[in-house]
Amino acid sequence: METKKILLIDDEQDFGFIMKSFFTRKNCEVYHALTLAEGMKILDEVDPDYIFLDNNLPDGLGWGKSEYIRLNYPRAQLNLISAYHVPKTTASSFRILEKPLVMEELNKIFESTSFV
């Protein structure tokens, strides 16, 4: 089985630790950025399979980069996450997840995504 790469862009260190532990057990390489700028740099270096992008980051709104990510990294599964004001959507190109995340929901995302 091919090792998947996960990029988490979220300023909450505890949340990052939990996510890293969860996906490491699934044999994934996990990269965690605490700022939007750091996350965009890692994105260019790693070309991840999955991206978990928080909205409220110390240096800007993460969701503002979603269109750039969708256009430049179309094979990555984009998952927008936030604890505040999560809109409902039926967009097929990304998911919106509300914190706190449920591990069963992460399992469904991980197991149901097919890669081109």
PDB file of N, CA and C in Angstrom:
ATOM      1  N   MET A   1       0.843  -1.184   0.000  1.00  0.00           N
ATOM      2  CA  MET A   1       0.000   0.000   0.000  1.00  0.00           C
ATOM      3  C   MET A   1       0.888   1.247   0.000  1.00  0.00           C
ATOM      4  N   GLU A   2       0.559   2.189  -0.833  1.00  0.00           N
ATOM      5  CA  GLU A   2       1.310   3.433  -0.952  1.00  0.00           C
ATOM      6  C   GLU A   2       1.095   4.315   0.279  1.00  0.00           C
ATOM      7  N   THR A   3       2.159   4.892   0.785  1.00  0.00           N
ATOM      8  CA  THR A   3       2.067   5.798   1.922  1.00  0.00           C
ATOM      9  C   THR A   3       1.451   7.114   1.471  1.00  0.00           C
ATOM     10  N   LYS A   4       0.408   7.540   2.155  1.00  0.00           N
ATOM     11  CA  LYS A   4      -0.257   8.798   1.850  1.00  0.00           C
ATOM     12  C   LYS A   4       0.385   9.925   2.647  1.00  0.00           C
ATOM     13  N   LYS A   5       0.360  11.113   2.066  1.00  0.00           N
ATOM     14  CA  LYS A   5       0.906  12.297   2.728  1.00  0.00           C
ATOM     15  C   LYS A   5      -0.248  13.197   3.167  1.00  0.00           C
ATOM     16  N   ILE A   6      -0.201  13.593   4.426  1.00  0.00           N
ATOM     17  CA  ILE A   6      -1.225  14.442   5.032  1.00  0.00           C
ATOM     18  C   ILE A   6      -0.580  15.776   5.396  1.00  0.00           C
ATOM     19  N   LEU A   7      -1.227  16.869   5.026  1.00  0.00           N
ATOM     20  CA  LEU A   7      -0.790  18.190   5.468  1.00  0.00           C
ATOM     21  C   LEU A   7      -1.898  18.794   6.321  1.00  0.00           C
ATOM     22  N   LEU A   8      -1.571  19.088   7.559  1.00  0.00           N
ATOM     23  CA  LEU A   8      -2.481  19.759   8.478  1.00  0.00           C
ATOM     24  C   LEU A   8      -1.972  21.179   8.671  1.00  0.00           C
ATOM     25  N   ILE A   9      -2.824  22.148   8.363  1.00  0.00           N
ATOM     26  CA  ILE A   9      -2.492  23.557   8.600  1.00  0.00           C
ATOM     27  C   ILE A   9      -3.450  24.052   9.675  1.00  0.00           C
ATOM     28  N   ASP A  10      -2.954  24.096  10.909  1.00  0.00           N
ATOM     29  CA  ASP A  10      -3.783  24.439  12.060  1.00  0.00           C
ATOM     30  C   ASP A  10      -2.873  24.912  13.181  1.00  0.00           C
ATOM     31  N   ASP A  11      -3.236  25.996  13.833  1.00  0.00           N
ATOM     32  CA  ASP A  11      -2.384  26.571  14.873  1.00  0.00           C
ATOM     33  C   ASP A  11      -2.559  25.927  16.248  1.00  0.00           C
ATOM     34  N   GLU A  12      -3.444  24.974  16.378  1.00  0.00           N
ATOM     35  CA  GLU A  12      -3.645  24.300  17.658  1.00  0.00           C
ATOM     36  C   GLU A  12      -2.700  23.099  17.748  1.00  0.00           C
ATOM     37  N   GLN A  13      -1.721  23.190  18.622  1.00  0.00           N
ATOM     38  CA  GLN A  13      -0.718  22.131  18.731  1.00  0.00           C
ATOM     39  C   GLN A  13      -1.297  20.821  19.237  1.00  0.00           C
ATOM     40  N   ASP A  14      -2.218  20.875  20.179  1.00  0.00           N
ATOM     41  CA  ASP A  14      -2.839  19.646  20.693  1.00  0.00           C
ATOM     42  C   ASP A  14      -3.623  18.934  19.597  1.00  0.00           C
ATOM     43  N   PHE A  15      -4.370  19.691  18.840  1.00  0.00           N
ATOM     44  CA  PHE A  15      -5.131  19.122  17.722  1.00  0.00           C
ATOM     45  C   PHE A  15      -4.174  18.491  16.716  1.00  0.00           C
ATOM     46  N   GLY A  16      -3.069  19.158  16.445  1.00  0.00           N
ATOM     47  CA  GLY A  16      -2.065  18.628  15.532  1.00  0.00           C
ATOM     48  C   GLY A  16      -1.487  17.317  16.026  1.00  0.00           C
ATOM     49  N   PHE A  17      -1.231  17.232  17.332  1.00  0.00           N
ATOM     50  CA  PHE A  17      -0.703  16.002  17.914  1.00  0.00           C
ATOM     51  C   PHE A  17      -1.694  14.856  17.740  1.00  0.00           C
ATOM     52  N   ILE A  18      -2.958  15.119  17.996  1.00  0.00           N
ATOM     53  CA  ILE A  18      -3.997  14.085  17.856  1.00  0.00           C
ATOM     54  C   ILE A  18      -4.101  13.632  16.403  1.00  0.00           C
ATOM     55  N   MET A  19      -4.137  14.580  15.493  1.00  0.00           N
ATOM     56  CA  MET A  19      -4.244  14.239  14.065  1.00  0.00           C
ATOM     57  C   MET A  19      -3.010  13.454  13.606  1.00  0.00           C
ATOM     58  N   LYS A  20      -1.842  13.887  14.031  1.00  0.00           N
ATOM     59  CA  LYS A  20      -0.610  13.202  13.639  1.00  0.00           C
ATOM     60  C   LYS A  20      -0.614  11.767  14.167  1.00  0.00           C
ATOM     61  N   SER A  21      -1.022  11.568  15.408  1.00  0.00           N
ATOM     62  CA  SER A  21      -1.106  10.228  15.984  1.00  0.00           C
ATOM     63  C   SER A  21      -2.093   9.360  15.207  1.00  0.00           C
ATOM     64  N   PHE A  22      -3.251   9.918  14.894  1.00  0.00           N
ATOM     65  CA  PHE A  22      -4.291   9.176  14.173  1.00  0.00           C
ATOM     66  C   PHE A  22      -3.782   8.710  12.814  1.00  0.00           C
ATOM     67  N   PHE A  23      -3.207   9.623  12.036  1.00  0.00           N
ATOM     68  CA  PHE A  23      -2.796   9.271  10.686  1.00  0.00           C
ATOM     69  C   PHE A  23      -1.479   8.500  10.633  1.00  0.00           C
ATOM     70  N   THR A  24      -0.622   8.673  11.609  1.00  0.00           N
ATOM     71  CA  THR A  24       0.614   7.888  11.654  1.00  0.00           C
ATOM     72  C   THR A  24       0.282   6.413  11.843  1.00  0.00           C
ATOM     73  N   ARG A  25      -0.745   6.125  12.633  1.00  0.00           N
ATOM     74  CA  ARG A  25      -1.186   4.731  12.814  1.00  0.00           C
ATOM     75  C   ARG A  25      -1.726   4.136  11.520  1.00  0.00           C
ATOM     76  N   LYS A  26      -2.092   4.976  10.586  1.00  0.00           N
ATOM     77  CA  LYS A  26      -2.571   4.516   9.287  1.00  0.00           C
ATOM     78  C   LYS A  26      -1.447   4.513   8.249  1.00  0.00           C
ATOM     79  N   ASN A  27      -0.215   4.574   8.727  1.00  0.00           N
ATOM     80  CA  ASN A  27       0.976   4.519   7.876  1.00  0.00           C
ATOM     81  C   ASN A  27       1.072   5.723   6.929  1.00  0.00           C
ATOM     82  N   CYS A  28       0.721   6.894   7.421  1.00  0.00           N
ATOM     83  CA  CYS A  28       0.793   8.121   6.622  1.00  0.00           C
ATOM     84  C   CYS A  28       1.970   8.974   7.086  1.00  0.00           C
ATOM     85  N   GLU A  29       2.492   9.761   6.156  1.00  0.00           N
ATOM     86  CA  GLU A  29       3.449  10.809   6.508  1.00  0.00           C
ATOM     87  C   GLU A  29       2.618  12.043   6.843  1.00  0.00           C
ATOM     88  N   VAL A  30       2.836  12.621   8.009  1.00  0.00           N
ATOM     89  CA  VAL A  30       2.030  13.760   8.448  1.00  0.00           C
ATOM     90  C   VAL A  30       2.917  14.985   8.624  1.00  0.00           C
ATOM     91  N   TYR A  31       2.506  16.082   8.008  1.00  0.00           N
ATOM     92  CA  TYR A  31       3.187  17.368   8.112  1.00  0.00           C
ATOM     93  C   TYR A  31       2.225  18.328   8.780  1.00  0.00           C
ATOM     94  N   HIS A  32       2.708  19.071   9.775  1.00  0.00           N
ATOM     95  CA  HIS A  32       1.850  19.995  10.512  1.00  0.00           C
ATOM     96  C   HIS A  32       2.450  21.395  10.475  1.00  0.00           C
ATOM     97  N   ALA A  33       1.696  22.329   9.940  1.00  0.00           N
ATOM     98  CA  ALA A  33       2.092  23.735   9.906  1.00  0.00           C
ATOM     99  C   ALA A  33       1.215  24.512  10.875  1.00  0.00           C
ATOM    100  N   LEU A  34       1.829  25.419  11.620  1.00  0.00           N
ATOM    101  CA  LEU A  34       1.101  26.216  12.608  1.00  0.00           C
ATOM    102  C   LEU A  34       0.614  27.549  12.047  1.00  0.00           C
ATOM    103  N   THR A  35       1.107  27.935  10.871  1.00  0.00           N
ATOM    104  CA  THR A  35       0.679  29.186  10.236  1.00  0.00           C
ATOM    105  C   THR A  35       0.329  28.923   8.774  1.00  0.00           C
ATOM    106  N   LEU A  36      -0.389  29.842   8.199  1.00  0.00           N
ATOM    107  CA  LEU A  36      -0.755  29.749   6.798  1.00  0.00           C
ATOM    108  C   LEU A  36       0.473  29.813   5.903  1.00  0.00           C
ATOM    109  N   ALA A  37       1.388  30.716   6.203  1.00  0.00           N
ATOM    110  CA  ALA A  37       2.602  30.853   5.391  1.00  0.00           C
ATOM    111  C   ALA A  37       3.430  29.569   5.417  1.00  0.00           C
ATOM    112  N   GLU A  38       3.592  29.007   6.594  1.00  0.00           N
ATOM    113  CA  GLU A  38       4.347  27.753   6.715  1.00  0.00           C
ATOM    114  C   GLU A  38       3.630  26.628   5.964  1.00  0.00           C
ATOM    115  N   GLY A  39       2.317  26.582   6.074  1.00  0.00           N
ATOM    116  CA  GLY A  39       1.534  25.556   5.383  1.00  0.00           C
ATOM    117  C   GLY A  39       1.644  25.642   3.872  1.00  0.00           C
ATOM    118  N   MET A  40       1.624  26.855   3.341  1.00  0.00           N
ATOM    119  CA  MET A  40       1.736  27.021   1.891  1.00  0.00           C
ATOM    120  C   MET A  40       3.121  26.621   1.407  1.00  0.00           C
ATOM    121  N   LYS A  41       4.125  26.856   2.224  1.00  0.00           N
ATOM    122  CA  LYS A  41       5.485  26.445   1.865  1.00  0.00           C
ATOM    123  C   LYS A  41       5.590  24.921   1.845  1.00  0.00           C
ATOM    124  N   ILE A  42       5.063  24.268   2.870  1.00  0.00           N
ATOM    125  CA  ILE A  42       5.084  22.802   2.927  1.00  0.00           C
ATOM    126  C   ILE A  42       4.266  22.216   1.784  1.00  0.00           C
ATOM    127  N   LEU A  43       3.150  22.844   1.463  1.00  0.00           N
ATOM    128  CA  LEU A  43       2.301  22.381   0.360  1.00  0.00           C
ATOM    129  C   LEU A  43       3.107  22.271  -0.928  1.00  0.00           C
ATOM    130  N   ASP A  44       3.890  23.284  -1.227  1.00  0.00           N
ATOM    131  CA  ASP A  44       4.715  23.265  -2.434  1.00  0.00           C
ATOM    132  C   ASP A  44       5.804  22.200  -2.379  1.00  0.00           C
ATOM    133  N   GLU A  45       6.337  21.935  -1.197  1.00  0.00           N
ATOM    134  CA  GLU A  45       7.423  20.967  -1.050  1.00  0.00           C
ATOM    135  C   GLU A  45       6.944  19.521  -1.058  1.00  0.00           C
ATOM    136  N   VAL A  46       5.755  19.259  -0.530  1.00  0.00           N
ATOM    137  CA  VAL A  46       5.313  17.899  -0.259  1.00  0.00           C
ATOM    138  C   VAL A  46       4.300  17.355  -1.263  1.00  0.00           C
ATOM    139  N   ASP A  47       3.440  18.211  -1.829  1.00  0.00           N
ATOM    140  CA  ASP A  47       2.355  17.778  -2.714  1.00  0.00           C
ATOM    141  C   ASP A  47       1.533  16.670  -2.044  1.00  0.00           C
ATOM    142  N   PRO A  48       0.796  17.009  -0.974  1.00  0.00           N
ATOM    143  CA  PRO A  48       0.102  15.998  -0.166  1.00  0.00           C
ATOM    144  C   PRO A  48      -1.112  15.383  -0.854  1.00  0.00           C
ATOM    145  N   ASP A  49      -1.515  14.234  -0.334  1.00  0.00           N
ATOM    146  CA  ASP A  49      -2.723  13.561  -0.797  1.00  0.00           C
ATOM    147  C   ASP A  49      -3.962  14.137  -0.120  1.00  0.00           C
ATOM    148  N   TYR A  50      -3.815  14.507   1.148  1.00  0.00           N
ATOM    149  CA  TYR A  50      -4.908  15.080   1.934  1.00  0.00           C
ATOM    150  C   TYR A  50      -4.427  16.383   2.562  1.00  0.00           C
ATOM    151  N   ILE A  51      -5.310  17.374   2.570  1.00  0.00           N
ATOM    152  CA  ILE A  51      -5.016  18.647   3.223  1.00  0.00           C
ATOM    153  C   ILE A  51      -6.154  18.946   4.197  1.00  0.00           C
ATOM    154  N   PHE A  52      -5.804  19.235   5.429  1.00  0.00           N
ATOM    155  CA  PHE A  52      -6.760  19.687   6.434  1.00  0.00           C
ATOM    156  C   PHE A  52      -6.386  21.119   6.758  1.00  0.00           C
ATOM    157  N   LEU A  53      -7.245  22.057   6.356  1.00  0.00           N
ATOM    158  CA  LEU A  53      -6.940  23.484   6.417  1.00  0.00           C
ATOM    159  C   LEU A  53      -7.894  24.204   7.353  1.00  0.00           C
ATOM    160  N   ASP A  54      -7.353  24.719   8.453  1.00  0.00           N
ATOM    161  CA  ASP A  54      -8.143  25.497   9.398  1.00  0.00           C
ATOM    162  C   ASP A  54      -8.404  26.881   8.807  1.00  0.00           C
ATOM    163  N   ASN A  55      -9.462  27.526   9.255  1.00  0.00           N
ATOM    164  CA  ASN A  55      -9.780  28.848   8.738  1.00  0.00           C
ATOM    165  C   ASN A  55      -9.081  29.950   9.515  1.00  0.00           C
ATOM    166  N   ASN A  56      -9.195  29.915  10.822  1.00  0.00           N
ATOM    167  CA  ASN A  56      -8.656  31.000  11.654  1.00  0.00           C
ATOM    168  C   ASN A  56      -7.220  30.695  12.068  1.00  0.00           C
ATOM    169  N   LEU A  57      -6.285  31.296  11.345  1.00  0.00           N
ATOM    170  CA  LEU A  57      -4.863  31.094  11.606  1.00  0.00           C
ATOM    171  C   LEU A  57      -4.229  32.422  12.020  1.00  0.00           C
ATOM    172  N   PRO A  58      -3.105  32.392  12.723  1.00  0.00           N
ATOM    173  CA  PRO A  58      -2.505  33.625  13.214  1.00  0.00           C
ATOM    174  C   PRO A  58      -2.167  34.639  12.123  1.00  0.00           C
ATOM    175  N   ASP A  59      -1.887  34.158  10.915  1.00  0.00           N
ATOM    176  CA  ASP A  59      -1.477  35.068   9.844  1.00  0.00           C
ATOM    177  C   ASP A  59      -2.488  35.161   8.703  1.00  0.00           C
ATOM    178  N   GLY A  60      -3.740  34.787   8.958  1.00  0.00           N
ATOM    179  CA  GLY A  60      -4.753  34.956   7.916  1.00  0.00           C
ATOM    180  C   GLY A  60      -5.831  33.888   7.961  1.00  0.00           C
ATOM    181  N   LEU A  61      -6.758  34.009   7.011  1.00  0.00           N
ATOM    182  CA  LEU A  61      -7.861  33.058   6.896  1.00  0.00           C
ATOM    183  C   LEU A  61      -7.474  31.952   5.922  1.00  0.00           C
ATOM    184  N   GLY A  62      -7.344  30.754   6.446  1.00  0.00           N
ATOM    185  CA  GLY A  62      -6.927  29.618   5.634  1.00  0.00           C
ATOM    186  C   GLY A  62      -7.857  29.323   4.479  1.00  0.00           C
ATOM    187  N   TRP A  63      -9.154  29.451   4.708  1.00  0.00           N
ATOM    188  CA  TRP A  63     -10.106  29.108   3.662  1.00  0.00           C
ATOM    189  C   TRP A  63      -9.967  30.003   2.438  1.00  0.00           C
ATOM    190  N   GLY A  64      -9.354  31.165   2.611  1.00  0.00           N
ATOM    191  CA  GLY A  64      -9.104  32.053   1.485  1.00  0.00           C
ATOM    192  C   GLY A  64      -8.133  31.452   0.473  1.00  0.00           C
ATOM    193  N   LYS A  65      -7.400  30.429   0.874  1.00  0.00           N
ATOM    194  CA  LYS A  65      -6.459  29.740  -0.022  1.00  0.00           C
ATOM    195  C   LYS A  65      -7.078  28.518  -0.687  1.00  0.00           C
ATOM    196  N   SER A  66      -8.334  28.218  -0.390  1.00  0.00           N
ATOM    197  CA  SER A  66      -8.936  26.985  -0.908  1.00  0.00           C
ATOM    198  C   SER A  66      -9.010  26.956  -2.435  1.00  0.00           C
ATOM    199  N   GLU A  67      -9.332  28.059  -3.050  1.00  0.00           N
ATOM    200  CA  GLU A  67      -9.418  28.092  -4.510  1.00  0.00           C
ATOM    201  C   GLU A  67      -8.039  27.870  -5.140  1.00  0.00           C
ATOM    202  N   TYR A  68      -7.022  28.511  -4.580  1.00  0.00           N
ATOM    203  CA  TYR A  68      -5.649  28.310  -5.055  1.00  0.00           C
ATOM    204  C   TYR A  68      -5.250  26.835  -4.940  1.00  0.00           C
ATOM    205  N   ILE A  69      -5.576  26.230  -3.806  1.00  0.00           N
ATOM    206  CA  ILE A  69      -5.228  24.819  -3.591  1.00  0.00           C
ATOM    207  C   ILE A  69      -5.981  23.929  -4.574  1.00  0.00           C
ATOM    208  N   ARG A  70      -7.269  24.161  -4.733  1.00  0.00           N
ATOM    209  CA  ARG A  70      -8.060  23.334  -5.666  1.00  0.00           C
ATOM    210  C   ARG A  70      -7.513  23.410  -7.080  1.00  0.00           C
ATOM    211  N   LEU A  71      -7.101  24.602  -7.510  1.00  0.00           N
ATOM    212  CA  LEU A  71      -6.612  24.780  -8.873  1.00  0.00           C
ATOM    213  C   LEU A  71      -5.201  24.225  -9.075  1.00  0.00           C
ATOM    214  N   ASN A  72      -4.340  24.366  -8.078  1.00  0.00           N
ATOM    215  CA  ASN A  72      -2.941  23.979  -8.225  1.00  0.00           C
ATOM    216  C   ASN A  72      -2.607  22.578  -7.709  1.00  0.00           C
ATOM    217  N   TYR A  73      -3.485  22.007  -6.904  1.00  0.00           N
ATOM    218  CA  TYR A  73      -3.274  20.665  -6.355  1.00  0.00           C
ATOM    219  C   TYR A  73      -4.572  19.857  -6.489  1.00  0.00           C
ATOM    220  N   PRO A  74      -5.030  19.650  -7.711  1.00  0.00           N
ATOM    221  CA  PRO A  74      -6.350  19.047  -7.917  1.00  0.00           C
ATOM    222  C   PRO A  74      -6.464  17.601  -7.422  1.00  0.00           C
ATOM    223  N   ARG A  75      -5.361  16.888  -7.297  1.00  0.00           N
ATOM    224  CA  ARG A  75      -5.476  15.495  -6.856  1.00  0.00           C
ATOM    225  C   ARG A  75      -5.563  15.381  -5.334  1.00  0.00           C
ATOM    226  N   ALA A  76      -5.245  16.448  -4.609  1.00  0.00           N
ATOM    227  CA  ALA A  76      -5.314  16.431  -3.143  1.00  0.00           C
ATOM    228  C   ALA A  76      -6.762  16.551  -2.680  1.00  0.00           C
ATOM    229  N   GLN A  77      -7.113  15.787  -1.667  1.00  0.00           N
ATOM    230  CA  GLN A  77      -8.436  15.887  -1.056  1.00  0.00           C
ATOM    231  C   GLN A  77      -8.382  17.020  -0.033  1.00  0.00           C
ATOM    232  N   LEU A  78      -9.082  18.116  -0.323  1.00  0.00           N
ATOM    233  CA  LEU A  78      -9.088  19.288   0.549  1.00  0.00           C
ATOM    234  C   LEU A  78     -10.209  19.175   1.568  1.00  0.00           C
ATOM    235  N   ASN A  79      -9.849  19.361   2.847  1.00  0.00           N
ATOM    236  CA  ASN A  79     -10.810  19.326   3.939  1.00  0.00           C
ATOM    237  C   ASN A  79     -10.650  20.611   4.734  1.00  0.00           C
ATOM    238  N   LEU A  80     -11.671  21.454   4.698  1.00  0.00           N
ATOM    239  CA  LEU A  80     -11.653  22.720   5.426  1.00  0.00           C
ATOM    240  C   LEU A  80     -12.204  22.462   6.824  1.00  0.00           C
ATOM    241  N   ILE A  81     -11.489  22.938   7.845  1.00  0.00           N
ATOM    242  CA  ILE A  81     -11.917  22.697   9.218  1.00  0.00           C
ATOM    243  C   ILE A  81     -12.004  24.000   9.989  1.00  0.00           C
ATOM    244  N   SER A  82     -12.965  24.055  10.909  1.00  0.00           N
ATOM    245  CA  SER A  82     -13.113  25.234  11.747  1.00  0.00           C
ATOM    246  C   SER A  82     -14.033  24.918  12.913  1.00  0.00           C
ATOM    247  N   ALA A  83     -13.860  25.661  13.973  1.00  0.00           N
ATOM    248  CA  ALA A  83     -14.756  25.555  15.121  1.00  0.00           C
ATOM    249  C   ALA A  83     -15.807  26.666  15.094  1.00  0.00           C
ATOM    250  N   TYR A  84     -15.677  27.594  14.149  1.00  0.00           N
ATOM    251  CA  TYR A  84     -16.560  28.763  14.118  1.00  0.00           C
ATOM    252  C   TYR A  84     -17.277  28.896  12.798  1.00  0.00           C
ATOM    253  N   HIS A  85     -18.569  29.118  12.867  1.00  0.00           N
ATOM    254  CA  HIS A  85     -19.372  29.483  11.700  1.00  0.00           C
ATOM    255  C   HIS A  85     -19.101  28.573  10.499  1.00  0.00           C
ATOM    256  N   VAL A  86     -19.385  27.298  10.666  1.00  0.00           N
ATOM    257  CA  VAL A  86     -19.132  26.342   9.594  1.00  0.00           C
ATOM    258  C   VAL A  86     -20.348  26.283   8.685  1.00  0.00           C
ATOM    259  N   PRO A  87     -20.198  26.728   7.431  1.00  0.00           N
ATOM    260  CA  PRO A  87     -21.322  26.674   6.499  1.00  0.00           C
ATOM    261  C   PRO A  87     -21.543  25.250   6.003  1.00  0.00           C
ATOM    262  N   LYS A  88     -22.759  24.954   5.648  1.00  0.00           N
ATOM    263  CA  LYS A  88     -23.073  23.657   5.049  1.00  0.00           C
ATOM    264  C   LYS A  88     -22.905  23.797   3.542  1.00  0.00           C
ATOM    265  N   THR A  89     -22.364  22.756   2.918  1.00  0.00           N
ATOM    266  CA  THR A  89     -22.161  22.802   1.477  1.00  0.00           C
ATOM    267  C   THR A  89     -22.256  21.409   0.892  1.00  0.00           C
ATOM    268  N   THR A  90     -22.494  21.349  -0.383  1.00  0.00           N
ATOM    269  CA  THR A  90     -22.507  20.078  -1.100  1.00  0.00           C
ATOM    270  C   THR A  90     -21.407  20.069  -2.146  1.00  0.00           C
ATOM    271  N   ALA A  91     -20.387  20.879  -1.945  1.00  0.00           N
ATOM    272  CA  ALA A  91     -19.284  20.957  -2.904  1.00  0.00           C
ATOM    273  C   ALA A  91     -18.626  19.593  -3.043  1.00  0.00           C
ATOM    274  N   SER A  92     -18.331  19.203  -4.268  1.00  0.00           N
ATOM    275  CA  SER A  92     -17.709  17.904  -4.494  1.00  0.00           C
ATOM    276  C   SER A  92     -16.188  17.977  -4.477  1.00  0.00           C
ATOM    277  N   SER A  93     -15.626  19.178  -4.534  1.00  0.00           N
ATOM    278  CA  SER A  93     -14.170  19.305  -4.616  1.00  0.00           C
ATOM    279  C   SER A  93     -13.497  19.448  -3.257  1.00  0.00           C
ATOM    280  N   PHE A  94     -14.281  19.613  -2.184  1.00  0.00           N
ATOM    281  CA  PHE A  94     -13.715  19.697  -0.840  1.00  0.00           C
ATOM    282  C   PHE A  94     -14.787  19.369   0.179  1.00  0.00           C
ATOM    283  N   ARG A  95     -14.341  19.116   1.394  1.00  0.00           N
ATOM    284  CA  ARG A  95     -15.255  18.873   2.513  1.00  0.00           C
ATOM    285  C   ARG A  95     -15.068  19.978   3.541  1.00  0.00           C
ATOM    286  N   ILE A  96     -16.137  20.275   4.274  1.00  0.00           N
ATOM    287  CA  ILE A  96     -16.048  21.196   5.401  1.00  0.00           C
ATOM    288  C   ILE A  96     -16.346  20.397   6.661  1.00  0.00           C
ATOM    289  N   LEU A  97     -15.413  20.440   7.593  1.00  0.00           N
ATOM    290  CA  LEU A  97     -15.531  19.692   8.838  1.00  0.00           C
ATOM    291  C   LEU A  97     -15.555  20.651  10.016  1.00  0.00           C
ATOM    292  N   GLU A  98     -16.389  20.329  10.987  1.00  0.00           N
ATOM    293  CA  GLU A  98     -16.512  21.179  12.170  1.00  0.00           C
ATOM    294  C   GLU A  98     -15.784  20.537  13.350  1.00  0.00           C
ATOM    295  N   LYS A  99     -14.986  21.363  14.035  1.00  0.00           N
ATOM    296  CA  LYS A  99     -14.329  20.896  15.255  1.00  0.00           C
ATOM    297  C   LYS A  99     -15.340  20.878  16.390  1.00  0.00           C
ATOM    298  N   PRO A 100     -15.257  19.951  17.288  1.00  0.00           N
ATOM    299  CA  PRO A 100     -14.274  18.873  17.332  1.00  0.00           C
ATOM    300  C   PRO A 100     -14.602  17.802  16.293  1.00  0.00           C
ATOM    301  N   LEU A 101     -13.561  17.277  15.672  1.00  0.00           N
ATOM    302  CA  LEU A 101     -13.727  16.242  14.670  1.00  0.00           C
ATOM    303  C   LEU A 101     -14.012  14.905  15.342  1.00  0.00           C
ATOM    304  N   VAL A 102     -14.783  14.096  14.648  1.00  0.00           N
ATOM    305  CA  VAL A 102     -15.096  12.759  15.119  1.00  0.00           C
ATOM    306  C   VAL A 102     -14.195  11.793  14.348  1.00  0.00           C
ATOM    307  N   MET A 103     -13.499  10.923  15.045  1.00  0.00           N
ATOM    308  CA  MET A 103     -12.542  10.023  14.395  1.00  0.00           C
ATOM    309  C   MET A 103     -13.200   9.126  13.351  1.00  0.00           C
ATOM    310  N   GLU A 104     -14.458   8.745  13.567  1.00  0.00           N
ATOM    311  CA  GLU A 104     -15.155   7.934  12.566  1.00  0.00           C
ATOM    312  C   GLU A 104     -15.304   8.706  11.257  1.00  0.00           C
ATOM    313  N   GLU A 105     -15.498  10.017  11.371  1.00  0.00           N
ATOM    314  CA  GLU A 105     -15.596  10.861  10.184  1.00  0.00           C
ATOM    315  C   GLU A 105     -14.259  10.891   9.440  1.00  0.00           C
ATOM    316  N   LEU A 106     -13.162  10.974  10.183  1.00  0.00           N
ATOM    317  CA  LEU A 106     -11.838  10.937   9.561  1.00  0.00           C
ATOM    318  C   LEU A 106     -11.598   9.591   8.879  1.00  0.00           C
ATOM    319  N   ASN A 107     -12.018   8.523   9.521  1.00  0.00           N
ATOM    320  CA  ASN A 107     -11.878   7.202   8.900  1.00  0.00           C
ATOM    321  C   ASN A 107     -12.634   7.130   7.574  1.00  0.00           C
ATOM    322  N   LYS A 108     -13.840   7.661   7.547  1.00  0.00           N
ATOM    323  CA  LYS A 108     -14.634   7.645   6.308  1.00  0.00           C
ATOM    324  C   LYS A 108     -13.943   8.430   5.200  1.00  0.00           C
ATOM    325  N   ILE A 109     -13.414   9.582   5.538  1.00  0.00           N
ATOM    326  CA  ILE A 109     -12.700  10.400   4.554  1.00  0.00           C
ATOM    327  C   ILE A 109     -11.504   9.631   4.012  1.00  0.00           C
ATOM    328  N   PHE A 110     -10.736   9.074   4.906  1.00  0.00           N
ATOM    329  CA  PHE A 110      -9.507   8.387   4.534  1.00  0.00           C
ATOM    330  C   PHE A 110      -9.794   7.141   3.703  1.00  0.00           C
ATOM    331  N   GLU A 111     -10.810   6.388   4.060  1.00  0.00           N
ATOM    332  CA  GLU A 111     -11.101   5.122   3.400  1.00  0.00           C
ATOM    333  C   GLU A 111     -11.903   5.277   2.118  1.00  0.00           C
ATOM    334  N   SER A 112     -12.657   6.359   1.968  1.00  0.00           N
ATOM    335  CA  SER A 112     -13.527   6.488   0.799  1.00  0.00           C
ATOM    336  C   SER A 112     -12.910   7.304  -0.343  1.00  0.00           C
ATOM    337  N   THR A 113     -11.832   7.989  -0.090  1.00  0.00           N
ATOM    338  CA  THR A 113     -11.242   8.830  -1.117  1.00  0.00           C
ATOM    339  C   THR A 113     -10.456   7.976  -2.091  1.00  0.00           C
ATOM    340  N   SER A 114     -10.758   8.154  -3.350  1.00  0.00           N
ATOM    341  CA  SER A 114      -9.959   7.467  -4.364  1.00  0.00           C
ATOM    342  C   SER A 114      -9.059   8.496  -5.043  1.00  0.00           C
ATOM    343  N   PHE A 115      -7.874   8.086  -5.370  1.00  0.00           N
ATOM    344  CA  PHE A 115      -6.900   8.997  -5.971  1.00  0.00           C
ATOM    345  C   PHE A 115      -6.735   8.662  -7.431  1.00  0.00           C
ATOM    346  N   VAL A 116      -6.594   9.713  -8.213  1.00  0.00           N
ATOM    347  CA  VAL A 116      -6.409   9.564  -9.660  1.00  0.00           C
ATOM    348  C   VAL A 116      -4.988   9.172  -9.952  1.00  0.00           C
TER     349      VAL A 116
END
